[in-house]
C-alpha atoms as a PDB file:
ATOM      1  CA  MET A   1     -33.418  11.286 -19.577  1.00  0.00           C
ATOM      2  CA  THR A   2     -29.651  10.962 -19.088  1.00  0.00           C
ATOM      3  CA  ALA A   3     -27.830   9.098 -16.361  1.00  0.00           C
ATOM      4  CA  PRO A   4     -26.003  11.226 -13.791  1.00  0.00           C
ATOM      5  CA  VAL A   5     -22.270  11.531 -14.341  1.00  0.00           C
ATOM      6  CA  SER A   6     -20.129  10.460 -11.408  1.00  0.00           C
ATOM      7  CA  THR A   7     -17.538  13.031 -10.380  1.00  0.00           C
ATOM      8  CA  ARG A   8     -15.631  10.555  -8.222  1.00  0.00           C
ATOM      9  CA  SER A   9     -12.375   9.231  -9.607  1.00  0.00           C
ATOM     10  CA  THR A  10     -11.779   5.553 -10.289  1.00  0.00           C
ATOM     11  CA  GLU A  11      -9.458   5.379  -7.271  1.00  0.00           C
ATOM     12  CA  ASP A  12     -12.217   6.773  -5.016  1.00  0.00           C
ATOM     13  CA  ARG A  13     -14.679   4.148  -6.239  1.00  0.00           C
ATOM     14  CA  MET A  14     -12.370   1.139  -6.367  1.00  0.00           C
ATOM     15  CA  GLY A  15      -9.764   1.924  -3.715  1.00  0.00           C
ATOM     16  CA  PRO A  16      -6.090   2.556  -4.309  1.00  0.00           C
ATOM     17  CA  ARG A  17      -4.467   1.352  -7.527  1.00  0.00           C
ATOM     18  CA  LEU A  18      -2.316  -1.742  -7.624  1.00  0.00           C
ATOM     19  CA  THR A  19       1.277  -0.588  -8.043  1.00  0.00           C
ATOM     20  CA  ARG A  20       4.755  -1.809  -7.187  1.00  0.00           C
ATOM     21  CA  SER A  21       5.823  -0.601  -3.752  1.00  0.00           C
ATOM     22  CA  GLN A  22       8.749   1.780  -3.595  1.00  0.00           C
ATOM     23  CA  THR A  23       9.132   1.512   0.171  1.00  0.00           C
ATOM     24  CA  ASP A  24       8.436  -2.187   0.918  1.00  0.00           C
ATOM     25  CA  ARG A  25      10.411  -4.117  -1.641  1.00  0.00           C
ATOM     26  CA  VAL A  26      12.726  -7.108  -1.727  1.00  0.00           C
ATOM     27  CA  LEU A  27      12.992  -7.685  -5.481  1.00  0.00           C
ATOM     28  CA  ALA A  28      10.727  -5.510  -7.615  1.00  0.00           C
ATOM     29  CA  GLY A  29       8.143  -4.396  -5.033  1.00  0.00           C
ATOM     30  CA  VAL A  30       5.300  -6.561  -6.378  1.00  0.00           C
ATOM     31  CA  ALA A  31       4.561  -8.322  -3.064  1.00  0.00           C
ATOM     32  CA  GLY A  32       4.800  -5.043  -1.144  1.00  0.00           C
ATOM     33  CA  GLY A  33       2.422  -3.365  -3.601  1.00  0.00           C
ATOM     34  CA  ILE A  34      -0.112  -6.179  -3.341  1.00  0.00           C
ATOM     35  CA  ALA A  35       0.132  -6.048   0.457  1.00  0.00           C
ATOM     36  CA  GLU A  36      -0.428  -2.268   0.478  1.00  0.00           C
ATOM     37  CA  ARG A  37      -3.375  -2.509  -1.928  1.00  0.00           C
ATOM     38  CA  PHE A  38      -5.228  -5.207   0.020  1.00  0.00           C
ATOM     39  CA  GLY A  39      -4.135  -4.217   3.534  1.00  0.00           C
ATOM     40  CA  VAL A  40      -2.344  -7.441   4.432  1.00  0.00           C
ATOM     41  CA  SER A  41       1.150  -8.208   5.637  1.00  0.00           C
ATOM     42  CA  ALA A  42       3.822  -8.189   2.939  1.00  0.00           C
ATOM     43  CA  THR A  43       5.363 -11.212   4.650  1.00  0.00           C
ATOM     44  CA  LEU A  44       2.176 -13.214   4.036  1.00  0.00           C
ATOM     45  CA  VAL A  45       2.160 -12.216   0.375  1.00  0.00           C
ATOM     46  CA  ARG A  46       5.816 -13.220   0.030  1.00  0.00           C
ATOM     47  CA  LEU A  47       5.093 -16.574   1.686  1.00  0.00           C
ATOM     48  CA  ALA A  48       2.215 -17.133  -0.747  1.00  0.00           C
ATOM     49  CA  TRP A  49       4.611 -16.426  -3.649  1.00  0.00           C
ATOM     50  CA  LEU A  50       7.126 -18.884  -2.216  1.00  0.00           C
ATOM     51  CA  VAL A  51       4.506 -21.614  -1.795  1.00  0.00           C
ATOM     52  CA  SER A  52       3.228 -21.053  -5.329  1.00  0.00           C
ATOM     53  CA  VAL A  53       6.773 -21.344  -6.692  1.00  0.00           C
ATOM     54  CA  ILE A  54       7.486 -24.533  -4.748  1.00  0.00           C
ATOM     55  CA  PHE A  55       4.134 -26.199  -5.506  1.00  0.00           C
ATOM     56  CA  GLY A  56       3.566 -25.647  -9.187  1.00  0.00           C
ATOM     57  CA  GLY A  57       6.076 -23.033 -10.231  1.00  0.00           C
ATOM     58  CA  PHE A  58       3.598 -20.574 -11.738  1.00  0.00           C
ATOM     59  CA  GLY A  59       4.368 -17.967  -9.028  1.00  0.00           C
ATOM     60  CA  ALA A  60       7.700 -17.026 -10.583  1.00  0.00           C
ATOM     61  CA  LEU A  61       6.096 -16.383 -13.975  1.00  0.00           C
ATOM     62  CA  VAL A  62       3.265 -14.334 -12.440  1.00  0.00           C
ATOM     63  CA  TYR A  63       5.769 -12.304 -10.398  1.00  0.00           C
ATOM     64  CA  LEU A  64       7.863 -11.610 -13.493  1.00  0.00           C
ATOM     65  CA  VAL A  65       4.823 -10.484 -15.497  1.00  0.00           C
ATOM     66  CA  LEU A  66       3.557  -8.259 -12.667  1.00  0.00           C
ATOM     67  CA  SER A  67       6.987  -6.700 -12.194  1.00  0.00           C
ATOM     68  CA  ILE A  68       6.905  -5.671 -15.855  1.00  0.00           C
ATOM     69  CA  VAL A  69       3.241  -4.651 -16.079  1.00  0.00           C
ATOM     70  CA  LEU A  70       2.628  -2.843 -12.782  1.00  0.00           C
ATOM     71  CA  PRO A  71       3.641   0.821 -12.580  1.00  0.00           C
ATOM     72  CA  ASN A  72       5.876   2.148  -9.797  1.00  0.00           C
ATOM     73  CA  GLY A  73       3.980   3.344  -6.762  1.00  0.00           C
ATOM     74  CA  SER A  74       4.316   6.612  -4.949  1.00  0.00           C
ATOM     75  CA  THR A  75       7.076   7.217  -2.449  1.00  0.00           C
ATOM     76  CA  HIS A  76       4.807   9.656  -0.587  1.00  0.00           C
ATOM     77  CA  THR A  77       4.306   8.722   3.075  1.00  0.00           C
ATOM     78  CA  PRO A  78       1.103  10.045   4.688  1.00  0.00           C
ATOM     79  CA  PRO A  79       1.710  12.509   7.543  1.00  0.00           C
ATOM     80  CA  ILE A  80      -0.187  10.351  10.049  1.00  0.00           C
ATOM     81  CA  ALA A  81       2.110   7.407   9.271  1.00  0.00           C
ATOM     82  CA  ILE A  82       5.134   9.598   9.993  1.00  0.00           C
ATOM     83  CA  ALA A  83       3.596  10.730  13.291  1.00  0.00           C
ATOM     84  CA  GLU A  84       2.776   7.138  14.280  1.00  0.00           C
ATOM     85  CA  GLU A  85       6.353   6.060  13.503  1.00  0.00           C
ATOM     86  CA  ARG A  86       7.685   8.909  15.640  1.00  0.00           C
ATOM     87  CA  TYR A  87       5.363   7.828  18.473  1.00  0.00           C
ATOM     88  CA  ALA A  88       6.546   4.213  18.144  1.00  0.00           C
ATOM     89  CA  ARG A  89      10.163   5.394  18.436  1.00  0.00           C
ATOM     90  CA  GLY A  90       9.303   7.440  21.543  1.00  0.00           C
ATOM     91  CA  GLU A  91       9.984  10.796  19.910  1.00  0.00           C
ATOM     92  CA  ILE A  92       6.497  12.159  20.649  1.00  0.00           C
ATOM     93  CA  SER A  93       3.993  11.427  23.422  1.00  0.00           C
ATOM     94  CA  ALA A  94       0.483   9.974  23.126  1.00  0.00           C
ATOM     95  CA  PRO A  95      -1.199  13.382  23.667  1.00  0.00           C
ATOM     96  CA  GLU A  96       0.969  14.880  20.926  1.00  0.00           C
ATOM     97  CA  LEU A  97       0.009  12.048  18.560  1.00  0.00           C
ATOM     98  CA  GLU A  98      -3.689  12.615  19.283  1.00  0.00           C
ATOM     99  CA  ARG A  99      -3.276  16.362  18.677  1.00  0.00           C
ATOM    100  CA  ILE A 100      -1.607  15.637  15.331  1.00  0.00           C
ATOM    101  CA  ARG A 101      -4.426  13.214  14.392  1.00  0.00           C
ATOM    102  CA  SER A 102      -7.107  15.796  15.256  1.00  0.00           C
ATOM    103  CA  ASP A 103      -5.245  18.542  13.369  1.00  0.00           C
ATOM    104  CA  LEU A 104      -4.934  16.347  10.269  1.00  0.00           C
ATOM    105  CA  LYS A 105      -8.592  15.337  10.481  1.00  0.00           C
ATOM    106  CA  ALA A 106      -9.645  19.004  10.775  1.00  0.00           C
ATOM    107  CA  ALA A 107      -7.498  19.893   7.750  1.00  0.00           C
ATOM    108  CA  THR A 108      -9.247  17.368   5.480  1.00  0.00           C
END
């Protein structure tokens, strides 16, 4: 008897890959990539880096290694994020945003 083969990709099973952010970057995009991957604020990640540099100094070395090792992330912005940004700027109304959300949900 053989074990069933999973057809789901590694990203489906483990969540998005850890990459350097191309859109939320100050130096190399490491903090922005970590924030995107774990769904936290990039500011909090940057503060954690700063604290680790001040109290111990290992943060700078880790940041340098991650900036070399991590691949560049995608510059693709999801359509719903674009619609939400347009709503936040007042370019579209709440009903239009909901229509866009339902259309995108129906398309997937």
